[in-house]
Amino acid sequence: METLFWVVHVIVAIAVIALVLLQHGKGADMGAAFGGGSSGSLFGSTGSANFLSRSTAIAATLFFLTSLGLAYFGLQQHKPAASVLDRTSVPATATQPAAPAQIPGQGNGSKAGDIPQ
């Protein structure tokens, strides 16, 4: 499910970028972009602005919703009590014997007679 959200999120992000770049500014004429004198020659006088602005609003809403969904998935996998050190260290279990304490100045293979009494 998270993978589906990631795929939709990336597609919607690309769509938002494309739709914003396709829109023209307030002062720009549609006809000036194509070299003509009429501003309503391609999509009508206000048809392109309404279609592109509505499409951008829908895509931005989908982007916002997928962002919230991905944040929800991220919080479900987060463990606030665990630290970085807890995740990297291997906890000792009951089946593993504890390592014997080493006394400084003695080797690892000490004999029973070498232990001071």
PDB file of N, CA and C in Angstrom:
ATOM      1  N   MET A   1       0.820  -1.186   0.000  1.00  0.00           N
ATOM      2  CA  MET A   1       0.000   0.000   0.000  1.00  0.00           C
ATOM      3  C   MET A   1       0.869   1.258   0.000  1.00  0.00           C
ATOM      4  N   GLU A   2       1.966   1.189   0.755  1.00  0.00           N
ATOM      5  CA  GLU A   2       2.861   2.345   0.795  1.00  0.00           C
ATOM      6  C   GLU A   2       3.506   2.590  -0.570  1.00  0.00           C
ATOM      7  N   THR A   3       3.827   1.517  -1.261  1.00  0.00           N
ATOM      8  CA  THR A   3       4.414   1.659  -2.605  1.00  0.00           C
ATOM      9  C   THR A   3       3.442   2.337  -3.558  1.00  0.00           C
ATOM     10  N   LEU A   4       2.164   2.007  -3.448  1.00  0.00           N
ATOM     11  CA  LEU A   4       1.158   2.656  -4.279  1.00  0.00           C
ATOM     12  C   LEU A   4       1.101   4.156  -3.994  1.00  0.00           C
ATOM     13  N   PHE A   5       1.178   4.526  -2.717  1.00  0.00           N
ATOM     14  CA  PHE A   5       1.187   5.944  -2.367  1.00  0.00           C
ATOM     15  C   PHE A   5       2.412   6.640  -2.953  1.00  0.00           C
ATOM     16  N   TRP A   6       3.583   5.975  -2.900  1.00  0.00           N
ATOM     17  CA  TRP A   6       4.795   6.580  -3.461  1.00  0.00           C
ATOM     18  C   TRP A   6       4.659   6.800  -4.966  1.00  0.00           C
ATOM     19  N   VAL A   7       4.117   5.815  -5.668  1.00  0.00           N
ATOM     20  CA  VAL A   7       3.968   5.933  -7.127  1.00  0.00           C
ATOM     21  C   VAL A   7       3.010   7.068  -7.473  1.00  0.00           C
ATOM     22  N   VAL A   8       1.860   7.109  -6.795  1.00  0.00           N
ATOM     23  CA  VAL A   8       0.881   8.173  -7.061  1.00  0.00           C
ATOM     24  C   VAL A   8       1.466   9.531  -6.686  1.00  0.00           C
ATOM     25  N   HIS A   9       2.213   9.595  -5.603  1.00  0.00           N
ATOM     26  CA  HIS A   9       2.815  10.851  -5.152  1.00  0.00           C
ATOM     27  C   HIS A   9       3.786  11.418  -6.186  1.00  0.00           C
ATOM     28  N   VAL A  10       4.626  10.557  -6.750  1.00  0.00           N
ATOM     29  CA  VAL A  10       5.595  11.017  -7.754  1.00  0.00           C
ATOM     30  C   VAL A  10       4.886  11.451  -9.030  1.00  0.00           C
ATOM     31  N   ILE A  11       3.887  10.692  -9.453  1.00  0.00           N
ATOM     32  CA  ILE A  11       3.152  11.052 -10.678  1.00  0.00           C
ATOM     33  C   ILE A  11       2.421  12.379 -10.494  1.00  0.00           C
ATOM     34  N   VAL A  12       1.781  12.555  -9.348  1.00  0.00           N
ATOM     35  CA  VAL A  12       1.057  13.799  -9.091  1.00  0.00           C
ATOM     36  C   VAL A  12       2.023  14.973  -8.975  1.00  0.00           C
ATOM     37  N   ALA A  13       3.207  14.759  -8.393  1.00  0.00           N
ATOM     38  CA  ALA A  13       4.198  15.837  -8.299  1.00  0.00           C
ATOM     39  C   ALA A  13       4.643  16.288  -9.685  1.00  0.00           C
ATOM     40  N   ILE A  14       4.872  15.347 -10.570  1.00  0.00           N
ATOM     41  CA  ILE A  14       5.250  15.700 -11.948  1.00  0.00           C
ATOM     42  C   ILE A  14       4.106  16.420 -12.640  1.00  0.00           C
ATOM     43  N   ALA A  15       2.868  15.988 -12.378  1.00  0.00           N
ATOM     44  CA  ALA A  15       1.706  16.642 -12.993  1.00  0.00           C
ATOM     45  C   ALA A  15       1.559  18.073 -12.495  1.00  0.00           C
ATOM     46  N   VAL A  16       1.788  18.310 -11.204  1.00  0.00           N
ATOM     47  CA  VAL A  16       1.699  19.671 -10.670  1.00  0.00           C
ATOM     48  C   VAL A  16       2.749  20.565 -11.318  1.00  0.00           C
ATOM     49  N   ILE A  17       3.957  20.055 -11.453  1.00  0.00           N
ATOM     50  CA  ILE A  17       5.023  20.842 -12.080  1.00  0.00           C
ATOM     51  C   ILE A  17       4.662  21.180 -13.519  1.00  0.00           C
ATOM     52  N   ALA A  18       4.171  20.186 -14.259  1.00  0.00           N
ATOM     53  CA  ALA A  18       3.809  20.416 -15.666  1.00  0.00           C
ATOM     54  C   ALA A  18       2.650  21.407 -15.784  1.00  0.00           C
ATOM     55  N   LEU A  19       1.643  21.261 -14.928  1.00  0.00           N
ATOM     56  CA  LEU A  19       0.487  22.155 -15.019  1.00  0.00           C
ATOM     57  C   LEU A  19       0.842  23.591 -14.646  1.00  0.00           C
ATOM     58  N   VAL A  20       1.716  23.763 -13.685  1.00  0.00           N
ATOM     59  CA  VAL A  20       2.128  25.123 -13.319  1.00  0.00           C
ATOM     60  C   VAL A  20       2.938  25.757 -14.448  1.00  0.00           C
ATOM     61  N   LEU A  21       3.796  24.956 -15.076  1.00  0.00           N
ATOM     62  CA  LEU A  21       4.597  25.509 -16.174  1.00  0.00           C
ATOM     63  C   LEU A  21       3.756  25.788 -17.424  1.00  0.00           C
ATOM     64  N   LEU A  22       2.652  25.079 -17.604  1.00  0.00           N
ATOM     65  CA  LEU A  22       1.799  25.319 -18.771  1.00  0.00           C
ATOM     66  C   LEU A  22       0.954  26.576 -18.644  1.00  0.00           C
ATOM     67  N   GLN A  23       0.690  27.017 -17.442  1.00  0.00           N
ATOM     68  CA  GLN A  23      -0.174  28.182 -17.258  1.00  0.00           C
ATOM     69  C   GLN A  23       0.548  29.463 -17.635  1.00  0.00           C
ATOM     70  N   HIS A  24      -0.215  30.401 -18.098  1.00  0.00           N
ATOM     71  CA  HIS A  24       0.368  31.686 -18.443  1.00  0.00           C
ATOM     72  C   HIS A  24       0.036  32.692 -17.348  1.00  0.00           C
ATOM     73  N   GLY A  25       0.839  33.731 -17.286  1.00  0.00           N
ATOM     74  CA  GLY A  25       0.658  34.749 -16.259  1.00  0.00           C
ATOM     75  C   GLY A  25      -0.565  35.603 -16.522  1.00  0.00           C
ATOM     76  N   LYS A  26      -0.868  36.503 -15.571  1.00  0.00           N
ATOM     77  CA  LYS A  26      -2.051  37.355 -15.703  1.00  0.00           C
ATOM     78  C   LYS A  26      -1.948  38.298 -16.891  1.00  0.00           C
ATOM     79  N   GLY A  27      -0.763  38.813 -17.147  1.00  0.00           N
ATOM     80  CA  GLY A  27      -0.614  39.790 -18.215  1.00  0.00           C
ATOM     81  C   GLY A  27      -0.324  39.192 -19.578  1.00  0.00           C
ATOM     82  N   ALA A  28      -0.095  37.893 -19.639  1.00  0.00           N
ATOM     83  CA  ALA A  28       0.268  37.280 -20.921  1.00  0.00           C
ATOM     84  C   ALA A  28      -0.982  36.926 -21.710  1.00  0.00           C
ATOM     85  N   ASP A  29      -0.921  37.141 -23.005  1.00  0.00           N
ATOM     86  CA  ASP A  29      -2.018  36.749 -23.898  1.00  0.00           C
ATOM     87  C   ASP A  29      -1.734  35.381 -24.480  1.00  0.00           C
ATOM     88  N   MET A  30      -2.768  34.593 -24.670  1.00  0.00           N
ATOM     89  CA  MET A  30      -2.600  33.274 -25.273  1.00  0.00           C
ATOM     90  C   MET A  30      -2.180  33.413 -26.735  1.00  0.00           C
ATOM     91  N   GLY A  31      -2.698  34.404 -27.407  1.00  0.00           N
ATOM     92  CA  GLY A  31      -2.347  34.601 -28.809  1.00  0.00           C
ATOM     93  C   GLY A  31      -0.913  35.062 -28.994  1.00  0.00           C
ATOM     94  N   ALA A  32      -0.368  35.755 -28.012  1.00  0.00           N
ATOM     95  CA  ALA A  32       1.009  36.223 -28.122  1.00  0.00           C
ATOM     96  C   ALA A  32       1.984  35.056 -28.084  1.00  0.00           C
ATOM     97  N   ALA A  33       1.620  33.985 -27.404  1.00  0.00           N
ATOM     98  CA  ALA A  33       2.488  32.807 -27.346  1.00  0.00           C
ATOM     99  C   ALA A  33       2.564  32.104 -28.688  1.00  0.00           C
ATOM    100  N   PHE A  34       1.499  32.227 -29.499  1.00  0.00           N
ATOM    101  CA  PHE A  34       1.473  31.568 -30.802  1.00  0.00           C
ATOM    102  C   PHE A  34       1.675  32.544 -31.959  1.00  0.00           C
ATOM    103  N   GLY A  35       1.898  33.800 -31.658  1.00  0.00           N
ATOM    104  CA  GLY A  35       2.170  34.784 -32.690  1.00  0.00           C
ATOM    105  C   GLY A  35       0.935  35.389 -33.310  1.00  0.00           C
ATOM    106  N   GLY A  36      -0.244  35.072 -32.819  1.00  0.00           N
ATOM    107  CA  GLY A  36      -1.470  35.635 -33.384  1.00  0.00           C
ATOM    108  C   GLY A  36      -1.910  36.877 -32.636  1.00  0.00           C
ATOM    109  N   GLY A  37      -2.922  37.532 -33.154  1.00  0.00           N
ATOM    110  CA  GLY A  37      -3.409  38.740 -32.523  1.00  0.00           C
ATOM    111  C   GLY A  37      -4.580  38.506 -31.586  1.00  0.00           C
ATOM    112  N   SER A  38      -5.226  37.354 -31.672  1.00  0.00           N
ATOM    113  CA  SER A  38      -6.404  37.092 -30.864  1.00  0.00           C
ATOM    114  C   SER A  38      -6.037  36.272 -29.633  1.00  0.00           C
ATOM    115  N   SER A  39      -6.490  36.715 -28.464  1.00  0.00           N
ATOM    116  CA  SER A  39      -6.153  36.000 -27.242  1.00  0.00           C
ATOM    117  C   SER A  39      -7.055  34.797 -27.016  1.00  0.00           C
ATOM    118  N   GLY A  40      -8.190  34.708 -27.695  1.00  0.00           N
ATOM    119  CA  GLY A  40      -9.107  33.597 -27.475  1.00  0.00           C
ATOM    120  C   GLY A  40      -9.120  32.607 -28.611  1.00  0.00           C
ATOM    121  N   SER A  41      -8.011  32.429 -29.307  1.00  0.00           N
ATOM    122  CA  SER A  41      -8.023  31.595 -30.498  1.00  0.00           C
ATOM    123  C   SER A  41      -7.871  30.105 -30.208  1.00  0.00           C
ATOM    124  N   LEU A  42      -7.226  29.714 -29.119  1.00  0.00           N
ATOM    125  CA  LEU A  42      -6.956  28.296 -28.905  1.00  0.00           C
ATOM    126  C   LEU A  42      -8.018  27.623 -28.045  1.00  0.00           C
ATOM    127  N   PHE A  43      -8.211  28.054 -26.809  1.00  0.00           N
ATOM    128  CA  PHE A  43      -9.167  27.418 -25.909  1.00  0.00           C
ATOM    129  C   PHE A  43     -10.379  28.295 -25.620  1.00  0.00           C
ATOM    130  N   GLY A  44     -10.523  29.362 -26.303  1.00  0.00           N
ATOM    131  CA  GLY A  44     -11.565  30.323 -25.969  1.00  0.00           C
ATOM    132  C   GLY A  44     -10.961  31.419 -25.101  1.00  0.00           C
ATOM    133  N   SER A  45     -11.750  32.421 -24.755  1.00  0.00           N
ATOM    134  CA  SER A  45     -11.185  33.572 -24.047  1.00  0.00           C
ATOM    135  C   SER A  45     -10.741  33.219 -22.629  1.00  0.00           C
ATOM    136  N   THR A  46     -11.501  32.395 -21.892  1.00  0.00           N
ATOM    137  CA  THR A  46     -11.088  32.032 -20.538  1.00  0.00           C
ATOM    138  C   THR A  46     -11.052  30.526 -20.331  1.00  0.00           C
ATOM    139  N   GLY A  47     -11.216  29.754 -21.355  1.00  0.00           N
ATOM    140  CA  GLY A  47     -11.293  28.297 -21.222  1.00  0.00           C
ATOM    141  C   GLY A  47     -10.008  27.662 -20.742  1.00  0.00           C
ATOM    142  N   SER A  48      -8.877  28.130 -21.223  1.00  0.00           N
ATOM    143  CA  SER A  48      -7.614  27.509 -20.844  1.00  0.00           C
ATOM    144  C   SER A  48      -7.265  27.788 -19.393  1.00  0.00           C
ATOM    145  N   ALA A  49      -7.534  29.014 -18.938  1.00  0.00           N
ATOM    146  CA  ALA A  49      -7.206  29.357 -17.562  1.00  0.00           C
ATOM    147  C   ALA A  49      -8.057  28.556 -16.583  1.00  0.00           C
ATOM    148  N   ASN A  50      -9.328  28.392 -16.885  1.00  0.00           N
ATOM    149  CA  ASN A  50     -10.185  27.634 -15.981  1.00  0.00           C
ATOM    150  C   ASN A  50      -9.810  26.165 -15.958  1.00  0.00           C
ATOM    151  N   PHE A  51      -9.577  25.581 -17.118  1.00  0.00           N
ATOM    152  CA  PHE A  51      -9.222  24.169 -17.178  1.00  0.00           C
ATOM    153  C   PHE A  51      -7.889  23.908 -16.478  1.00  0.00           C
ATOM    154  N   LEU A  52      -6.873  24.717 -16.777  1.00  0.00           N
ATOM    155  CA  LEU A  52      -5.563  24.514 -16.171  1.00  0.00           C
ATOM    156  C   LEU A  52      -5.569  24.806 -14.678  1.00  0.00           C
ATOM    157  N   SER A  53      -6.287  25.836 -14.267  1.00  0.00           N
ATOM    158  CA  SER A  53      -6.311  26.160 -12.842  1.00  0.00           C
ATOM    159  C   SER A  53      -7.077  25.108 -12.046  1.00  0.00           C
ATOM    160  N   ARG A  54      -8.156  24.570 -12.605  1.00  0.00           N
ATOM    161  CA  ARG A  54      -8.887  23.498 -11.924  1.00  0.00           C
ATOM    162  C   ARG A  54      -8.061  22.217 -11.876  1.00  0.00           C
ATOM    163  N   SER A  55      -7.375  21.915 -12.948  1.00  0.00           N
ATOM    164  CA  SER A  55      -6.519  20.724 -12.963  1.00  0.00           C
ATOM    165  C   SER A  55      -5.376  20.854 -11.961  1.00  0.00           C
ATOM    166  N   THR A  56      -4.825  22.052 -11.860  1.00  0.00           N
ATOM    167  CA  THR A  56      -3.752  22.288 -10.897  1.00  0.00           C
ATOM    168  C   THR A  56      -4.269  22.156  -9.471  1.00  0.00           C
ATOM    169  N   ALA A  57      -5.465  22.662  -9.208  1.00  0.00           N
ATOM    170  CA  ALA A  57      -6.047  22.557  -7.870  1.00  0.00           C
ATOM    171  C   ALA A  57      -6.310  21.096  -7.501  1.00  0.00           C
ATOM    172  N   ILE A  58      -6.794  20.313  -8.439  1.00  0.00           N
ATOM    173  CA  ILE A  58      -7.037  18.884  -8.178  1.00  0.00           C
ATOM    174  C   ILE A  58      -5.721  18.152  -7.935  1.00  0.00           C
ATOM    175  N   ALA A  59      -4.728  18.428  -8.763  1.00  0.00           N
ATOM    176  CA  ALA A  59      -3.431  17.774  -8.600  1.00  0.00           C
ATOM    177  C   ALA A  59      -2.765  18.189  -7.282  1.00  0.00           C
ATOM    178  N   ALA A  60      -2.898  19.456  -6.895  1.00  0.00           N
ATOM    179  CA  ALA A  60      -2.318  19.909  -5.629  1.00  0.00           C
ATOM    180  C   ALA A  60      -3.024  19.250  -4.442  1.00  0.00           C
ATOM    181  N   THR A  61      -4.328  19.058  -4.537  1.00  0.00           N
ATOM    182  CA  THR A  61      -5.067  18.376  -3.477  1.00  0.00           C
ATOM    183  C   THR A  61      -4.630  16.918  -3.363  1.00  0.00           C
ATOM    184  N   LEU A  62      -4.467  16.253  -4.498  1.00  0.00           N
ATOM    185  CA  LEU A  62      -3.986  14.864  -4.481  1.00  0.00           C
ATOM    186  C   LEU A  62      -2.569  14.781  -3.917  1.00  0.00           C
ATOM    187  N   PHE A  63      -1.732  15.751  -4.251  1.00  0.00           N
ATOM    188  CA  PHE A  63      -0.374  15.778  -3.714  1.00  0.00           C
ATOM    189  C   PHE A  63      -0.394  15.935  -2.201  1.00  0.00           C
ATOM    190  N   PHE A  64      -1.262  16.798  -1.707  1.00  0.00           N
ATOM    191  CA  PHE A  64      -1.393  17.014  -0.264  1.00  0.00           C
ATOM    192  C   PHE A  64      -1.879  15.741   0.422  1.00  0.00           C
ATOM    193  N   LEU A  65      -2.870  15.064  -0.151  1.00  0.00           N
ATOM    194  CA  LEU A  65      -3.406  13.843   0.450  1.00  0.00           C
ATOM    195  C   LEU A  65      -2.376  12.708   0.442  1.00  0.00           C
ATOM    196  N   THR A  66      -1.637  12.577  -0.650  1.00  0.00           N
ATOM    197  CA  THR A  66      -0.614  11.522  -0.667  1.00  0.00           C
ATOM    198  C   THR A  66       0.521  11.846   0.297  1.00  0.00           C
ATOM    199  N   SER A  67       0.813  13.131   0.492  1.00  0.00           N
ATOM    200  CA  SER A  67       1.822  13.513   1.486  1.00  0.00           C
ATOM    201  C   SER A  67       1.374  13.128   2.887  1.00  0.00           C
ATOM    202  N   LEU A  68       0.103  13.364   3.197  1.00  0.00           N
ATOM    203  CA  LEU A  68      -0.430  12.964   4.495  1.00  0.00           C
ATOM    204  C   LEU A  68      -0.414  11.447   4.663  1.00  0.00           C
ATOM    205  N   GLY A  69      -0.749  10.724   3.599  1.00  0.00           N
ATOM    206  CA  GLY A  69      -0.717   9.263   3.664  1.00  0.00           C
ATOM    207  C   GLY A  69       0.685   8.730   3.897  1.00  0.00           C
ATOM    208  N   LEU A  70       1.669   9.304   3.232  1.00  0.00           N
ATOM    209  CA  LEU A  70       3.057   8.869   3.428  1.00  0.00           C
ATOM    210  C   LEU A  70       3.555   9.226   4.825  1.00  0.00           C
ATOM    211  N   ALA A  71       3.120  10.357   5.359  1.00  0.00           N
ATOM    212  CA  ALA A  71       3.487  10.707   6.738  1.00  0.00           C
ATOM    213  C   ALA A  71       2.874   9.724   7.719  1.00  0.00           C
ATOM    214  N   TYR A  72       1.649   9.287   7.454  1.00  0.00           N
ATOM    215  CA  TYR A  72       1.001   8.294   8.311  1.00  0.00           C
ATOM    216  C   TYR A  72       1.764   6.972   8.286  1.00  0.00           C
ATOM    217  N   PHE A  73       2.161   6.527   7.107  1.00  0.00           N
ATOM    218  CA  PHE A  73       2.943   5.289   7.005  1.00  0.00           C
ATOM    219  C   PHE A  73       4.289   5.428   7.705  1.00  0.00           C
ATOM    220  N   GLY A  74       4.881   6.592   7.626  1.00  0.00           N
ATOM    221  CA  GLY A  74       6.156   6.820   8.283  1.00  0.00           C
ATOM    222  C   GLY A  74       6.039   6.784   9.799  1.00  0.00           C
ATOM    223  N   LEU A  75       4.939   7.293  10.333  1.00  0.00           N
ATOM    224  CA  LEU A  75       4.744   7.263  11.777  1.00  0.00           C
ATOM    225  C   LEU A  75       4.452   5.854  12.286  1.00  0.00           C
ATOM    226  N   GLN A  76       3.846   5.030  11.465  1.00  0.00           N
ATOM    227  CA  GLN A  76       3.542   3.662  11.881  1.00  0.00           C
ATOM    228  C   GLN A  76       4.809   2.833  12.032  1.00  0.00           C
ATOM    229  N   GLN A  77       5.846   3.143  11.296  1.00  0.00           N
ATOM    230  CA  GLN A  77       7.084   2.379  11.337  1.00  0.00           C
ATOM    231  C   GLN A  77       8.083   2.961  12.325  1.00  0.00           C
ATOM    232  N   HIS A  78       7.804   4.110  12.905  1.00  0.00           N
ATOM    233  CA  HIS A  78       8.739   4.784  13.793  1.00  0.00           C
ATOM    234  C   HIS A  78       8.590   4.245  15.216  1.00  0.00           C
ATOM    235  N   LYS A  79       9.716   3.937  15.875  1.00  0.00           N
ATOM    236  CA  LYS A  79       9.721   3.494  17.257  1.00  0.00           C
ATOM    237  C   LYS A  79      10.386   4.592  18.087  1.00  0.00           C
ATOM    238  N   PRO A  80       9.626   5.395  18.814  1.00  0.00           N
ATOM    239  CA  PRO A  80      10.224   6.525  19.518  1.00  0.00           C
ATOM    240  C   PRO A  80      11.115   6.124  20.690  1.00  0.00           C
ATOM    241  N   ALA A  81      10.927   4.941  21.300  1.00  0.00           N
ATOM    242  CA  ALA A  81      11.704   4.566  22.475  1.00  0.00           C
ATOM    243  C   ALA A  81      13.090   4.034  22.110  1.00  0.00           C
ATOM    244  N   ALA A  82      13.279   3.576  20.889  1.00  0.00           N
ATOM    245  CA  ALA A  82      14.551   2.984  20.492  1.00  0.00           C
ATOM    246  C   ALA A  82      15.524   4.067  20.048  1.00  0.00           C
ATOM    247  N   SER A  83      16.773   3.920  20.471  1.00  0.00           N
ATOM    248  CA  SER A  83      17.793   4.860  20.041  1.00  0.00           C
ATOM    249  C   SER A  83      18.661   4.205  18.968  1.00  0.00           C
ATOM    250  N   VAL A  84      19.574   4.952  18.445  1.00  0.00           N
ATOM    251  CA  VAL A  84      20.462   4.423  17.410  1.00  0.00           C
ATOM    252  C   VAL A  84      21.331   3.303  17.982  1.00  0.00           C
ATOM    253  N   LEU A  85      21.782   3.465  19.206  1.00  0.00           N
ATOM    254  CA  LEU A  85      22.619   2.442  19.825  1.00  0.00           C
ATOM    255  C   LEU A  85      21.844   1.158  20.077  1.00  0.00           C
ATOM    256  N   ASP A  86      20.556   1.272  20.413  1.00  0.00           N
ATOM    257  CA  ASP A  86      19.746   0.080  20.631  1.00  0.00           C
ATOM    258  C   ASP A  86      19.551  -0.700  19.340  1.00  0.00           C
ATOM    259  N   ARG A  87      19.461  -0.014  18.224  1.00  0.00           N
ATOM    260  CA  ARG A  87      19.243  -0.691  16.951  1.00  0.00           C
ATOM    261  C   ARG A  87      20.504  -1.356  16.419  1.00  0.00           C
ATOM    262  N   THR A  88      21.686  -0.855  16.796  1.00  0.00           N
ATOM    263  CA  THR A  88      22.917  -1.421  16.249  1.00  0.00           C
ATOM    264  C   THR A  88      23.493  -2.514  17.127  1.00  0.00           C
ATOM    265  N   SER A  89      23.209  -2.515  18.421  1.00  0.00           N
ATOM    266  CA  SER A  89      23.785  -3.531  19.295  1.00  0.00           C
ATOM    267  C   SER A  89      22.921  -4.780  19.303  1.00  0.00           C
ATOM    268  N   VAL A  90      23.566  -5.933  19.491  1.00  0.00           N
ATOM    269  CA  VAL A  90      22.867  -7.206  19.552  1.00  0.00           C
ATOM    270  C   VAL A  90      22.649  -7.532  21.023  1.00  0.00           C
ATOM    271  N   PRO A  91      21.412  -7.673  21.458  1.00  0.00           N
ATOM    272  CA  PRO A  91      21.182  -7.957  22.873  1.00  0.00           C
ATOM    273  C   PRO A  91      21.601  -9.379  23.222  1.00  0.00           C
ATOM    274  N   ALA A  92      22.134  -9.564  24.435  1.00  0.00           N
ATOM    275  CA  ALA A  92      22.548 -10.886  24.894  1.00  0.00           C
ATOM    276  C   ALA A  92      21.309 -11.673  25.286  1.00  0.00           C
ATOM    277  N   THR A  93      21.257 -12.916  24.876  1.00  0.00           N
ATOM    278  CA  THR A  93      20.122 -13.763  25.212  1.00  0.00           C
ATOM    279  C   THR A  93      20.545 -14.772  26.270  1.00  0.00           C
ATOM    280  N   ALA A  94      19.605 -15.532  26.777  1.00  0.00           N
ATOM    281  CA  ALA A  94      19.887 -16.508  27.827  1.00  0.00           C
ATOM    282  C   ALA A  94      20.717 -17.670  27.302  1.00  0.00           C
ATOM    283  N   THR A  95      20.695 -17.927  26.008  1.00  0.00           N
ATOM    284  CA  THR A  95      21.444 -19.047  25.450  1.00  0.00           C
ATOM    285  C   THR A  95      22.913 -18.717  25.261  1.00  0.00           C
ATOM    286  N   GLN A  96      23.268 -17.441  25.228  1.00  0.00           N
ATOM    287  CA  GLN A  96      24.658 -17.054  25.044  1.00  0.00           C
ATOM    288  C   GLN A  96      25.299 -16.842  26.413  1.00  0.00           C
ATOM    289  N   PRO A  97      26.400 -17.539  26.721  1.00  0.00           N
ATOM    290  CA  PRO A  97      27.045 -17.328  28.017  1.00  0.00           C
ATOM    291  C   PRO A  97      27.727 -15.962  28.051  1.00  0.00           C
ATOM    292  N   ALA A  98      27.758 -15.395  29.228  1.00  0.00           N
ATOM    293  CA  ALA A  98      28.418 -14.100  29.391  1.00  0.00           C
ATOM    294  C   ALA A  98      29.920 -14.290  29.312  1.00  0.00           C
ATOM    295  N   ALA A  99      30.605 -13.340  28.774  1.00  0.00           N
ATOM    296  CA  ALA A  99      32.063 -13.424  28.641  1.00  0.00           C
ATOM    297  C   ALA A  99      32.694 -13.279  30.027  1.00  0.00           C
ATOM    298  N   PRO A 100      33.718 -14.101  30.349  1.00  0.00           N
ATOM    299  CA  PRO A 100      34.359 -13.981  31.659  1.00  0.00           C
ATOM    300  C   PRO A 100      35.127 -12.674  31.758  1.00  0.00           C
ATOM    301  N   ALA A 101      35.134 -12.117  32.943  1.00  0.00           N
ATOM    302  CA  ALA A 101      35.855 -10.872  33.166  1.00  0.00           C
ATOM    303  C   ALA A 101      37.344 -11.141  33.137  1.00  0.00           C
ATOM    304  N   GLN A 102      38.084 -10.292  32.468  1.00  0.00           N
ATOM    305  CA  GLN A 102      39.531 -10.467  32.368  1.00  0.00           C
ATOM    306  C   GLN A 102      40.206  -9.567  33.388  1.00  0.00           C
ATOM    307  N   ILE A 103      41.164 -10.142  34.096  1.00  0.00           N
ATOM    308  CA  ILE A 103      41.918  -9.384  35.081  1.00  0.00           C
ATOM    309  C   ILE A 103      43.134  -8.807  34.377  1.00  0.00           C
ATOM    310  N   PRO A 104      43.381  -7.512  34.516  1.00  0.00           N
ATOM    311  CA  PRO A 104      44.531  -6.908  33.825  1.00  0.00           C
ATOM    312  C   PRO A 104      45.837  -7.557  34.274  1.00  0.00           C
ATOM    313  N   GLY A 105      46.704  -7.767  33.342  1.00  0.00           N
ATOM    314  CA  GLY A 105      48.005  -8.343  33.624  1.00  0.00           C
ATOM    315  C   GLY A 105      48.042  -9.856  33.471  1.00  0.00           C
ATOM    316  N   GLN A 106      46.914 -10.478  33.220  1.00  0.00           N
ATOM    317  CA  GLN A 106      46.896 -11.926  33.030  1.00  0.00           C
ATOM    318  C   GLN A 106      46.471 -12.227  31.609  1.00  0.00           C
ATOM    319  N   GLY A 107      46.924 -13.334  31.117  1.00  0.00           N
ATOM    320  CA  GLY A 107      46.576 -13.736  29.758  1.00  0.00           C
ATOM    321  C   GLY A 107      45.197 -14.350  29.711  1.00  0.00           C
ATOM    322  N   ASN A 108      44.755 -14.655  28.506  1.00  0.00           N
ATOM    323  CA  ASN A 108      43.438 -15.250  28.330  1.00  0.00           C
ATOM    324  C   ASN A 108      43.409 -16.694  28.821  1.00  0.00           C
ATOM    325  N   GLY A 109      44.496 -17.441  28.723  1.00  0.00           N
ATOM    326  CA  GLY A 109      44.512 -18.851  29.081  1.00  0.00           C
ATOM    327  C   GLY A 109      45.047 -19.079  30.487  1.00  0.00           C
ATOM    328  N   SER A 110      44.569 -18.376  31.480  1.00  0.00           N
ATOM    329  CA  SER A 110      45.076 -18.540  32.838  1.00  0.00           C
ATOM    330  C   SER A 110      44.620 -19.860  33.432  1.00  0.00           C
ATOM    331  N   LYS A 111      45.467 -20.426  34.293  1.00  0.00           N
ATOM    332  CA  LYS A 111      45.148 -21.695  34.959  1.00  0.00           C
ATOM    333  C   LYS A 111      44.580 -21.409  36.326  1.00  0.00           C
ATOM    334  N   ALA A 112      44.030 -22.448  36.948  1.00  0.00           N
ATOM    335  CA  ALA A 112      43.415 -22.258  38.246  1.00  0.00           C
ATOM    336  C   ALA A 112      44.419 -21.847  39.284  1.00  0.00           C
ATOM    337  N   GLY A 113      45.698 -22.283  39.153  1.00  0.00           N
ATOM    338  CA  GLY A 113      46.707 -21.919  40.120  1.00  0.00           C
ATOM    339  C   GLY A 113      47.187 -20.487  39.976  1.00  0.00           C
ATOM    340  N   ASP A 114      46.920 -19.834  38.843  1.00  0.00           N
ATOM    341  CA  ASP A 114      47.384 -18.474  38.613  1.00  0.00           C
ATOM    342  C   ASP A 114      46.489 -17.420  39.263  1.00  0.00           C
ATOM    343  N   ILE A 115      45.299 -17.817  39.692  1.00  0.00           N
ATOM    344  CA  ILE A 115      44.359 -16.841  40.272  1.00  0.00           C
ATOM    345  C   ILE A 115      44.799 -16.524  41.700  1.00  0.00           C
ATOM    346  N   PRO A 116      45.027 -15.266  42.027  1.00  0.00           N
ATOM    347  CA  PRO A 116      45.456 -14.925  43.396  1.00  0.00           C
ATOM    348  C   PRO A 116      44.338 -15.185  44.399  1.00  0.00           C
ATOM    349  N   GLN A 117      44.751 -15.648  45.604  1.00  0.00           N
ATOM    350  CA  GLN A 117      43.738 -15.950  46.614  1.00  0.00           C
ATOM    351  C   GLN A 117      43.801 -14.984  47.746  1.00  0.00           C
TER     352      GLN A 117
END
